[in-house]
């Protein structure tokens, strides 16, 4: 009988956010920037659905705060947006888990698009308006990446026993 040590996987969650942050920071050309998935939001949603007792609104705010510092944007802009998305993912986690992957992808599209709407609105208030169609492409790309991120993170969660 093998006995696994009691390991809750906080390091795994932290490392996954660090990797997502690195993927967000990797410089790409302006033409390719619109095709970059929202790695941090996707990971935040995944962890809010998978372990809602460990990752929630404060985690979303903290990740968004670090993104605000990295992007040199108005402090609290991404923090507020990520906290709202984390709250919605937390409140809907039991329902989202029941849906097939295709429907989960549609919910991801809605959550990522909501985050972009909030960012667009807050940037509009501060005078940093970006209004072309290419702004919305990354939401679609994020939706298409969701199944791969879901399977990858679920396997990582199972291997390392994150609970």
N, C-alpha and C. Protein backbone atom coordinates (compact mmCIF):
# COMPACT_ATOMS: atom_id res chain seq x y z
N UNK A 1 0.84 -1.16 0.00
CA UNK A 1 0.00 0.00 0.00
C UNK A 1 0.90 1.24 0.00
N UNK A 2 0.78 2.04 -1.03
CA UNK A 2 1.58 3.26 -1.08
C UNK A 2 0.77 4.40 -0.47
N UNK A 3 1.45 5.19 0.29
CA UNK A 3 0.79 6.30 0.96
C UNK A 3 1.40 7.60 0.45
N UNK A 4 0.55 8.44 -0.17
CA UNK A 4 1.04 9.72 -0.67
C UNK A 4 1.13 10.71 0.48
N UNK A 5 2.17 11.51 0.49
CA UNK A 5 2.26 12.53 1.54
C UNK A 5 1.16 13.57 1.35
N UNK A 6 0.76 14.17 2.45
CA UNK A 6 -0.26 15.22 2.38
C UNK A 6 0.36 16.46 1.75
N UNK A 7 0.04 16.68 0.51
CA UNK A 7 0.61 17.79 -0.24
C UNK A 7 -0.53 18.55 -0.88
N UNK A 8 -0.59 19.81 -0.65
CA UNK A 8 -1.72 20.58 -1.14
C UNK A 8 -1.42 21.32 -2.44
N UNK A 9 -0.18 21.42 -2.82
CA UNK A 9 0.17 21.93 -4.13
C UNK A 9 0.18 23.43 -4.30
N UNK A 10 0.39 24.16 -3.23
CA UNK A 10 0.45 25.62 -3.35
C UNK A 10 1.58 26.07 -4.27
N UNK A 11 2.68 25.34 -4.23
CA UNK A 11 3.82 25.66 -5.10
C UNK A 11 3.44 25.45 -6.56
N UNK A 12 2.68 24.42 -6.84
CA UNK A 12 2.27 24.14 -8.22
C UNK A 12 1.40 25.27 -8.75
N UNK A 13 0.50 25.76 -7.93
CA UNK A 13 -0.36 26.88 -8.34
C UNK A 13 0.49 28.12 -8.59
N UNK A 14 1.41 28.39 -7.69
CA UNK A 14 2.28 29.56 -7.84
C UNK A 14 3.14 29.45 -9.10
N UNK A 15 3.74 28.29 -9.31
CA UNK A 15 4.59 28.10 -10.49
C UNK A 15 3.77 28.24 -11.77
N UNK A 16 2.54 27.73 -11.77
CA UNK A 16 1.71 27.86 -12.98
C UNK A 16 1.41 29.33 -13.29
N UNK A 17 1.18 30.13 -12.26
CA UNK A 17 0.96 31.57 -12.49
C UNK A 17 2.24 32.25 -12.95
N UNK A 18 3.38 31.82 -12.45
CA UNK A 18 4.65 32.40 -12.89
C UNK A 18 4.89 32.07 -14.37
N UNK A 19 4.61 30.83 -14.76
CA UNK A 19 4.76 30.44 -16.17
C UNK A 19 3.80 31.25 -17.05
N UNK A 20 2.56 31.41 -16.60
CA UNK A 20 1.60 32.21 -17.37
C UNK A 20 2.05 33.66 -17.46
N UNK A 21 2.64 34.16 -16.39
CA UNK A 21 3.14 35.54 -16.40
C UNK A 21 4.30 35.67 -17.38
N UNK A 22 5.18 34.68 -17.42
CA UNK A 22 6.29 34.69 -18.37
C UNK A 22 5.77 34.65 -19.80
N UNK A 23 4.77 33.80 -20.05
CA UNK A 23 4.18 33.73 -21.39
C UNK A 23 3.53 35.06 -21.78
N UNK A 24 3.00 35.77 -20.81
CA UNK A 24 2.41 37.09 -21.06
C UNK A 24 3.49 38.13 -21.34
N UNK A 25 4.66 37.99 -20.71
CA UNK A 25 5.72 38.98 -20.84
C UNK A 25 6.59 38.77 -22.08
N UNK A 26 6.56 37.60 -22.68
CA UNK A 26 7.42 37.34 -23.84
C UNK A 26 7.10 38.36 -24.93
N UNK A 27 8.10 39.09 -25.37
CA UNK A 27 7.83 40.11 -26.40
C UNK A 27 7.55 39.46 -27.76
N UNK A 28 6.52 39.96 -28.40
CA UNK A 28 6.18 39.54 -29.76
C UNK A 28 5.91 40.80 -30.57
N UNK A 29 5.89 40.66 -31.87
CA UNK A 29 5.63 41.83 -32.72
C UNK A 29 4.20 42.31 -32.52
N UNK A 30 3.95 43.54 -32.90
CA UNK A 30 2.60 44.10 -32.76
C UNK A 30 1.58 43.32 -33.58
N UNK A 31 2.02 42.78 -34.71
CA UNK A 31 1.10 42.00 -35.55
C UNK A 31 0.67 40.70 -34.87
N UNK A 32 1.56 40.11 -34.10
CA UNK A 32 1.25 38.85 -33.41
C UNK A 32 0.63 39.06 -32.04
N UNK A 33 0.75 40.25 -31.50
CA UNK A 33 0.24 40.52 -30.15
C UNK A 33 -1.26 40.26 -30.05
N UNK A 34 -2.01 40.53 -31.11
CA UNK A 34 -3.46 40.33 -31.05
C UNK A 34 -3.84 38.86 -30.96
N UNK A 35 -2.91 37.96 -31.31
CA UNK A 35 -3.19 36.53 -31.27
C UNK A 35 -2.73 35.87 -29.97
N UNK A 36 -2.23 36.65 -29.04
CA UNK A 36 -1.75 36.10 -27.77
C UNK A 36 -2.94 35.81 -26.86
N UNK A 37 -3.05 34.57 -26.39
CA UNK A 37 -4.14 34.27 -25.44
C UNK A 37 -3.92 35.00 -24.12
N UNK A 38 -4.97 35.15 -23.37
CA UNK A 38 -4.89 35.77 -22.05
C UNK A 38 -4.51 34.68 -21.04
N UNK A 39 -3.20 34.38 -21.01
CA UNK A 39 -2.71 33.27 -20.20
C UNK A 39 -3.10 33.40 -18.73
N UNK A 40 -2.92 34.58 -18.17
CA UNK A 40 -3.17 34.76 -16.74
C UNK A 40 -4.65 34.57 -16.40
N UNK A 41 -5.53 35.10 -17.22
CA UNK A 41 -6.96 34.94 -16.95
C UNK A 41 -7.36 33.48 -17.12
N UNK A 42 -6.82 32.82 -18.13
CA UNK A 42 -7.15 31.41 -18.33
C UNK A 42 -6.72 30.57 -17.13
N UNK A 43 -5.51 30.82 -16.62
CA UNK A 43 -5.05 30.08 -15.44
C UNK A 43 -5.88 30.44 -14.21
N UNK A 44 -6.20 31.70 -14.07
CA UNK A 44 -7.02 32.13 -12.93
C UNK A 44 -8.38 31.44 -12.96
N UNK A 45 -9.01 31.41 -14.11
CA UNK A 45 -10.31 30.74 -14.24
C UNK A 45 -10.16 29.25 -13.95
N UNK A 46 -9.12 28.63 -14.49
CA UNK A 46 -8.94 27.20 -14.24
C UNK A 46 -8.82 26.92 -12.75
N UNK A 47 -7.96 27.65 -12.06
CA UNK A 47 -7.76 27.37 -10.64
C UNK A 47 -8.99 27.73 -9.81
N UNK A 48 -9.73 28.76 -10.21
CA UNK A 48 -10.97 29.09 -9.49
C UNK A 48 -12.01 27.99 -9.66
N UNK A 49 -12.00 27.32 -10.79
CA UNK A 49 -12.94 26.22 -11.03
C UNK A 49 -12.45 24.95 -10.34
N UNK A 50 -11.15 24.67 -10.43
CA UNK A 50 -10.60 23.41 -9.92
C UNK A 50 -10.48 23.40 -8.40
N UNK A 51 -9.95 24.45 -7.84
CA UNK A 51 -9.77 24.51 -6.38
C UNK A 51 -10.28 25.87 -5.86
N UNK A 52 -11.59 26.05 -5.86
CA UNK A 52 -12.14 27.36 -5.48
C UNK A 52 -11.86 27.75 -4.03
N UNK A 53 -11.57 26.79 -3.19
CA UNK A 53 -11.24 27.09 -1.79
C UNK A 53 -9.81 27.61 -1.63
N UNK A 54 -9.00 27.51 -2.70
CA UNK A 54 -7.61 27.96 -2.64
C UNK A 54 -7.34 29.20 -3.47
N UNK A 55 -8.02 29.31 -4.61
CA UNK A 55 -7.80 30.43 -5.52
C UNK A 55 -9.12 31.14 -5.71
N UNK A 56 -9.13 32.43 -5.46
CA UNK A 56 -10.38 33.17 -5.55
C UNK A 56 -10.14 34.63 -5.90
N UNK A 57 -10.97 35.48 -5.34
CA UNK A 57 -10.97 36.90 -5.67
C UNK A 57 -9.65 37.56 -5.29
N UNK A 58 -9.14 37.27 -4.10
CA UNK A 58 -7.88 37.89 -3.69
C UNK A 58 -6.74 37.46 -4.61
N UNK A 59 -6.72 36.18 -4.98
CA UNK A 59 -5.69 35.70 -5.91
C UNK A 59 -5.80 36.43 -7.24
N UNK A 60 -7.03 36.62 -7.72
CA UNK A 60 -7.24 37.35 -8.96
C UNK A 60 -6.75 38.78 -8.86
N UNK A 61 -7.06 39.41 -7.73
CA UNK A 61 -6.62 40.78 -7.54
C UNK A 61 -5.10 40.85 -7.51
N UNK A 62 -4.46 39.90 -6.82
CA UNK A 62 -3.01 39.90 -6.70
C UNK A 62 -2.33 39.69 -8.06
N UNK A 63 -2.82 38.74 -8.83
CA UNK A 63 -2.26 38.48 -10.16
C UNK A 63 -2.45 39.72 -11.05
N UNK A 64 -3.64 40.31 -10.99
CA UNK A 64 -3.89 41.52 -11.76
C UNK A 64 -3.02 42.69 -11.34
N UNK A 65 -2.76 42.78 -10.04
CA UNK A 65 -1.89 43.84 -9.52
C UNK A 65 -0.48 43.71 -10.08
N UNK A 66 0.05 42.46 -10.09
CA UNK A 66 1.38 42.26 -10.66
C UNK A 66 1.39 42.55 -12.16
N UNK A 67 0.29 42.25 -12.85
CA UNK A 67 0.22 42.58 -14.27
C UNK A 67 0.17 44.09 -14.47
N UNK A 68 -0.52 44.80 -13.58
CA UNK A 68 -0.53 46.28 -13.64
C UNK A 68 0.88 46.83 -13.51
N UNK A 69 1.64 46.26 -12.60
CA UNK A 69 3.03 46.72 -12.40
C UNK A 69 3.86 46.43 -13.65
N UNK A 70 3.68 45.23 -14.21
CA UNK A 70 4.46 44.85 -15.40
C UNK A 70 4.12 45.71 -16.60
N UNK A 71 2.84 45.96 -16.83
CA UNK A 71 2.43 46.70 -18.02
C UNK A 71 2.49 48.20 -17.84
N UNK A 72 2.84 48.64 -16.63
CA UNK A 72 2.92 50.06 -16.33
C UNK A 72 1.59 50.76 -16.62
N UNK A 73 0.50 50.05 -16.36
CA UNK A 73 -0.82 50.64 -16.57
C UNK A 73 -1.30 51.25 -15.26
N UNK A 74 -2.46 51.85 -15.32
CA UNK A 74 -3.05 52.44 -14.13
C UNK A 74 -3.15 51.38 -13.05
N UNK A 75 -2.60 51.66 -11.89
CA UNK A 75 -2.55 50.67 -10.82
C UNK A 75 -3.97 50.30 -10.38
N UNK A 76 -4.27 49.03 -10.45
CA UNK A 76 -5.59 48.54 -10.08
C UNK A 76 -6.48 48.21 -11.25
N UNK A 77 -6.05 48.56 -12.45
CA UNK A 77 -6.85 48.33 -13.65
C UNK A 77 -7.05 46.84 -13.89
N UNK A 78 -5.97 46.11 -14.01
CA UNK A 78 -6.08 44.66 -14.20
C UNK A 78 -6.49 43.97 -12.90
N UNK A 79 -6.09 44.53 -11.77
CA UNK A 79 -6.44 43.93 -10.49
C UNK A 79 -7.96 43.87 -10.32
N UNK A 80 -8.64 44.95 -10.62
CA UNK A 80 -10.10 44.98 -10.53
C UNK A 80 -10.72 44.00 -11.52
N UNK A 81 -10.22 44.02 -12.73
CA UNK A 81 -10.75 43.14 -13.77
C UNK A 81 -10.58 41.67 -13.41
N UNK A 82 -9.39 41.30 -12.96
CA UNK A 82 -9.13 39.91 -12.59
C UNK A 82 -9.95 39.49 -11.38
N UNK A 83 -10.15 40.41 -10.43
CA UNK A 83 -10.95 40.10 -9.25
C UNK A 83 -12.40 39.82 -9.65
N UNK A 84 -12.93 40.59 -10.58
CA UNK A 84 -14.31 40.37 -11.05
C UNK A 84 -14.42 39.03 -11.76
N UNK A 85 -13.48 38.72 -12.63
CA UNK A 85 -13.49 37.44 -13.34
C UNK A 85 -13.35 36.28 -12.35
N UNK A 86 -12.47 36.43 -11.37
CA UNK A 86 -12.29 35.38 -10.36
C UNK A 86 -13.57 35.19 -9.56
N UNK A 87 -14.24 36.28 -9.23
CA UNK A 87 -15.50 36.18 -8.48
C UNK A 87 -16.54 35.40 -9.29
N UNK A 88 -16.67 35.74 -10.56
CA UNK A 88 -17.66 35.04 -11.40
C UNK A 88 -17.30 33.57 -11.57
N UNK A 89 -16.02 33.28 -11.78
CA UNK A 89 -15.60 31.89 -11.92
C UNK A 89 -15.83 31.13 -10.62
N UNK A 90 -15.57 31.79 -9.49
CA UNK A 90 -15.80 31.16 -8.19
C UNK A 90 -17.28 30.86 -7.98
N UNK A 91 -18.14 31.83 -8.30
CA UNK A 91 -19.57 31.65 -8.09
C UNK A 91 -20.17 30.60 -9.02
N UNK A 92 -19.58 30.44 -10.20
CA UNK A 92 -20.13 29.52 -11.19
C UNK A 92 -19.35 28.20 -11.28
N UNK A 93 -18.36 27.99 -10.41
CA UNK A 93 -17.48 26.84 -10.58
C UNK A 93 -18.21 25.51 -10.58
N UNK A 94 -19.22 25.36 -9.75
CA UNK A 94 -19.93 24.07 -9.70
C UNK A 94 -20.68 23.80 -11.01
N UNK A 95 -21.22 24.83 -11.60
CA UNK A 95 -21.93 24.66 -12.88
C UNK A 95 -20.95 24.43 -14.03
N UNK A 96 -19.89 25.22 -14.05
CA UNK A 96 -18.93 25.12 -15.15
C UNK A 96 -18.32 23.73 -15.21
N UNK A 97 -18.05 23.13 -14.05
CA UNK A 97 -17.47 21.78 -14.01
C UNK A 97 -18.35 20.75 -14.70
N UNK A 98 -19.66 20.95 -14.65
CA UNK A 98 -20.59 19.97 -15.21
C UNK A 98 -20.70 20.03 -16.72
N UNK A 99 -20.36 21.17 -17.29
CA UNK A 99 -20.51 21.35 -18.73
C UNK A 99 -19.44 20.60 -19.51
N UNK A 100 -19.78 20.15 -20.72
CA UNK A 100 -18.74 19.59 -21.59
C UNK A 100 -17.75 20.68 -21.99
N UNK A 101 -16.62 20.25 -22.48
CA UNK A 101 -15.52 21.17 -22.78
C UNK A 101 -15.91 22.25 -23.78
N UNK A 102 -16.75 21.92 -24.74
CA UNK A 102 -17.17 22.92 -25.72
C UNK A 102 -17.94 24.04 -25.03
N UNK A 103 -18.85 23.69 -24.15
CA UNK A 103 -19.62 24.71 -23.44
C UNK A 103 -18.74 25.48 -22.45
N UNK A 104 -17.79 24.80 -21.86
CA UNK A 104 -16.83 25.50 -20.99
C UNK A 104 -16.07 26.54 -21.80
N UNK A 105 -15.70 26.19 -23.02
CA UNK A 105 -14.97 27.14 -23.88
C UNK A 105 -15.80 28.37 -24.17
N UNK A 106 -17.09 28.19 -24.35
CA UNK A 106 -17.98 29.34 -24.58
C UNK A 106 -18.06 30.23 -23.33
N UNK A 107 -18.09 29.61 -22.16
CA UNK A 107 -18.09 30.39 -20.92
C UNK A 107 -16.77 31.14 -20.77
N UNK A 108 -15.68 30.48 -21.13
CA UNK A 108 -14.37 31.14 -21.10
C UNK A 108 -14.38 32.35 -22.03
N UNK A 109 -14.95 32.18 -23.21
CA UNK A 109 -15.06 33.30 -24.15
C UNK A 109 -15.82 34.45 -23.50
N UNK A 110 -16.91 34.16 -22.83
CA UNK A 110 -17.69 35.21 -22.17
C UNK A 110 -16.90 35.89 -21.06
N UNK A 111 -16.20 35.11 -20.24
CA UNK A 111 -15.45 35.69 -19.14
C UNK A 111 -14.27 36.54 -19.63
N UNK A 112 -13.55 36.03 -20.62
CA UNK A 112 -12.41 36.79 -21.16
C UNK A 112 -12.91 38.05 -21.87
N UNK A 113 -14.01 37.93 -22.60
CA UNK A 113 -14.58 39.10 -23.27
C UNK A 113 -15.05 40.12 -22.24
N UNK A 114 -15.66 39.65 -21.16
CA UNK A 114 -16.07 40.56 -20.09
C UNK A 114 -14.87 41.31 -19.53
N UNK A 115 -13.76 40.59 -19.32
CA UNK A 115 -12.57 41.26 -18.80
C UNK A 115 -12.08 42.32 -19.79
N UNK A 116 -12.16 42.01 -21.07
CA UNK A 116 -11.72 42.99 -22.07
C UNK A 116 -12.68 44.19 -22.13
N UNK A 117 -13.96 43.95 -21.94
CA UNK A 117 -14.92 45.06 -21.91
C UNK A 117 -14.64 45.97 -20.73
N UNK A 118 -14.38 45.38 -19.57
CA UNK A 118 -14.07 46.19 -18.38
C UNK A 118 -12.79 46.98 -18.61
N UNK A 119 -11.76 46.32 -19.17
CA UNK A 119 -10.50 47.03 -19.45
C UNK A 119 -10.71 48.15 -20.47
N UNK A 120 -11.51 47.88 -21.49
CA UNK A 120 -11.79 48.89 -22.51
C UNK A 120 -12.52 50.07 -21.89
N UNK A 121 -13.48 49.79 -21.04
CA UNK A 121 -14.24 50.85 -20.38
C UNK A 121 -13.33 51.68 -19.47
N UNK A 122 -12.53 51.00 -18.63
CA UNK A 122 -11.65 51.73 -17.72
C UNK A 122 -10.58 52.51 -18.48
N UNK A 123 -10.06 51.93 -19.56
CA UNK A 123 -9.09 52.66 -20.39
C UNK A 123 -9.75 53.83 -21.08
N UNK A 124 -11.01 53.70 -21.46
CA UNK A 124 -11.73 54.81 -22.06
C UNK A 124 -11.91 55.96 -21.09
N UNK A 125 -12.14 55.63 -19.83
CA UNK A 125 -12.27 56.67 -18.80
C UNK A 125 -10.96 57.43 -18.64
N UNK A 126 -9.84 56.71 -18.72
CA UNK A 126 -8.54 57.35 -18.55
C UNK A 126 -8.00 57.96 -19.84
N UNK A 127 -8.69 57.74 -20.96
CA UNK A 127 -8.28 58.35 -22.22
C UNK A 127 -7.42 57.46 -23.10
N UNK A 128 -7.24 56.20 -22.76
CA UNK A 128 -6.44 55.28 -23.57
C UNK A 128 -7.37 54.37 -24.37
N UNK A 129 -7.97 54.90 -25.41
CA UNK A 129 -8.97 54.15 -26.16
C UNK A 129 -8.31 53.36 -27.28
N UNK A 130 -8.73 52.11 -27.40
CA UNK A 130 -8.29 51.25 -28.50
C UNK A 130 -9.56 50.61 -29.05
N UNK A 131 -9.97 50.97 -30.24
CA UNK A 131 -11.28 50.57 -30.67
C UNK A 131 -11.40 49.74 -31.93
N UNK A 132 -10.33 49.14 -32.42
CA UNK A 132 -10.49 48.36 -33.64
C UNK A 132 -10.86 46.92 -33.31
N UNK A 133 -11.23 46.17 -34.32
CA UNK A 133 -11.72 44.80 -34.14
C UNK A 133 -10.66 43.86 -33.61
N UNK A 134 -9.40 44.16 -33.87
CA UNK A 134 -8.32 43.26 -33.46
C UNK A 134 -8.23 43.11 -31.94
N UNK A 135 -8.80 44.04 -31.22
CA UNK A 135 -8.81 43.98 -29.75
C UNK A 135 -9.51 42.72 -29.26
N UNK A 136 -10.49 42.22 -30.01
CA UNK A 136 -11.32 41.11 -29.57
C UNK A 136 -10.81 39.75 -30.03
N UNK A 137 -9.80 39.71 -30.90
CA UNK A 137 -9.29 38.44 -31.42
C UNK A 137 -8.71 37.57 -30.31
N UNK A 138 -8.05 38.18 -29.35
CA UNK A 138 -7.43 37.40 -28.28
C UNK A 138 -8.46 36.66 -27.42
N UNK A 139 -9.68 37.16 -27.36
CA UNK A 139 -10.74 36.43 -26.65
C UNK A 139 -11.05 35.12 -27.35
N UNK A 140 -11.13 35.18 -28.67
CA UNK A 140 -11.39 33.96 -29.44
C UNK A 140 -10.23 32.98 -29.34
N UNK A 141 -9.01 33.50 -29.39
CA UNK A 141 -7.83 32.64 -29.26
C UNK A 141 -7.81 31.99 -27.88
N UNK A 142 -8.16 32.74 -26.85
CA UNK A 142 -8.22 32.19 -25.49
C UNK A 142 -9.25 31.08 -25.40
N UNK A 143 -10.38 31.27 -26.05
CA UNK A 143 -11.41 30.24 -26.06
C UNK A 143 -10.89 28.97 -26.73
N UNK A 144 -10.17 29.13 -27.83
CA UNK A 144 -9.63 27.96 -28.55
C UNK A 144 -8.52 27.27 -27.76
N UNK A 145 -7.81 28.01 -26.92
CA UNK A 145 -6.74 27.42 -26.10
C UNK A 145 -7.28 26.72 -24.86
N UNK A 146 -8.51 27.03 -24.46
CA UNK A 146 -9.04 26.49 -23.21
C UNK A 146 -8.96 24.96 -23.11
N UNK A 147 -9.39 24.20 -24.13
CA UNK A 147 -9.32 22.73 -23.95
C UNK A 147 -7.91 22.23 -23.65
N UNK A 148 -6.89 22.78 -24.31
CA UNK A 148 -5.52 22.34 -24.07
C UNK A 148 -5.06 22.75 -22.67
N UNK A 149 -5.39 23.95 -22.28
CA UNK A 149 -5.00 24.40 -20.94
C UNK A 149 -5.73 23.57 -19.89
N UNK A 150 -6.99 23.29 -20.13
CA UNK A 150 -7.77 22.49 -19.19
C UNK A 150 -7.15 21.11 -19.00
N UNK A 151 -6.85 20.41 -20.10
CA UNK A 151 -6.27 19.07 -20.00
C UNK A 151 -4.87 19.10 -19.39
N UNK A 152 -4.06 20.06 -19.80
CA UNK A 152 -2.71 20.17 -19.24
C UNK A 152 -2.75 20.42 -17.74
N UNK A 153 -3.54 21.40 -17.32
CA UNK A 153 -3.60 21.75 -15.91
C UNK A 153 -4.27 20.66 -15.08
N UNK A 154 -5.26 19.98 -15.64
CA UNK A 154 -5.89 18.88 -14.91
C UNK A 154 -4.89 17.75 -14.68
N UNK A 155 -4.08 17.45 -15.70
CA UNK A 155 -3.06 16.41 -15.53
C UNK A 155 -2.01 16.83 -14.51
N UNK A 156 -1.58 18.08 -14.56
CA UNK A 156 -0.61 18.58 -13.58
C UNK A 156 -1.21 18.52 -12.18
N UNK A 157 -2.47 18.92 -12.06
CA UNK A 157 -3.14 18.89 -10.76
C UNK A 157 -3.21 17.48 -10.20
N UNK A 158 -3.51 16.51 -11.06
CA UNK A 158 -3.60 15.12 -10.62
C UNK A 158 -2.24 14.53 -10.26
N UNK A 159 -1.22 14.81 -11.08
CA UNK A 159 0.11 14.27 -10.81
C UNK A 159 0.66 14.78 -9.48
N UNK A 160 0.48 16.08 -9.23
CA UNK A 160 1.04 16.67 -8.02
C UNK A 160 0.04 16.69 -6.86
N UNK A 161 -1.15 16.16 -7.06
CA UNK A 161 -2.12 16.06 -5.98
C UNK A 161 -2.58 17.38 -5.42
N UNK A 162 -2.77 18.35 -6.29
CA UNK A 162 -3.23 19.67 -5.83
C UNK A 162 -4.69 19.56 -5.44
N UNK A 163 -4.98 19.89 -4.21
CA UNK A 163 -6.37 19.85 -3.76
C UNK A 163 -6.69 21.02 -2.86
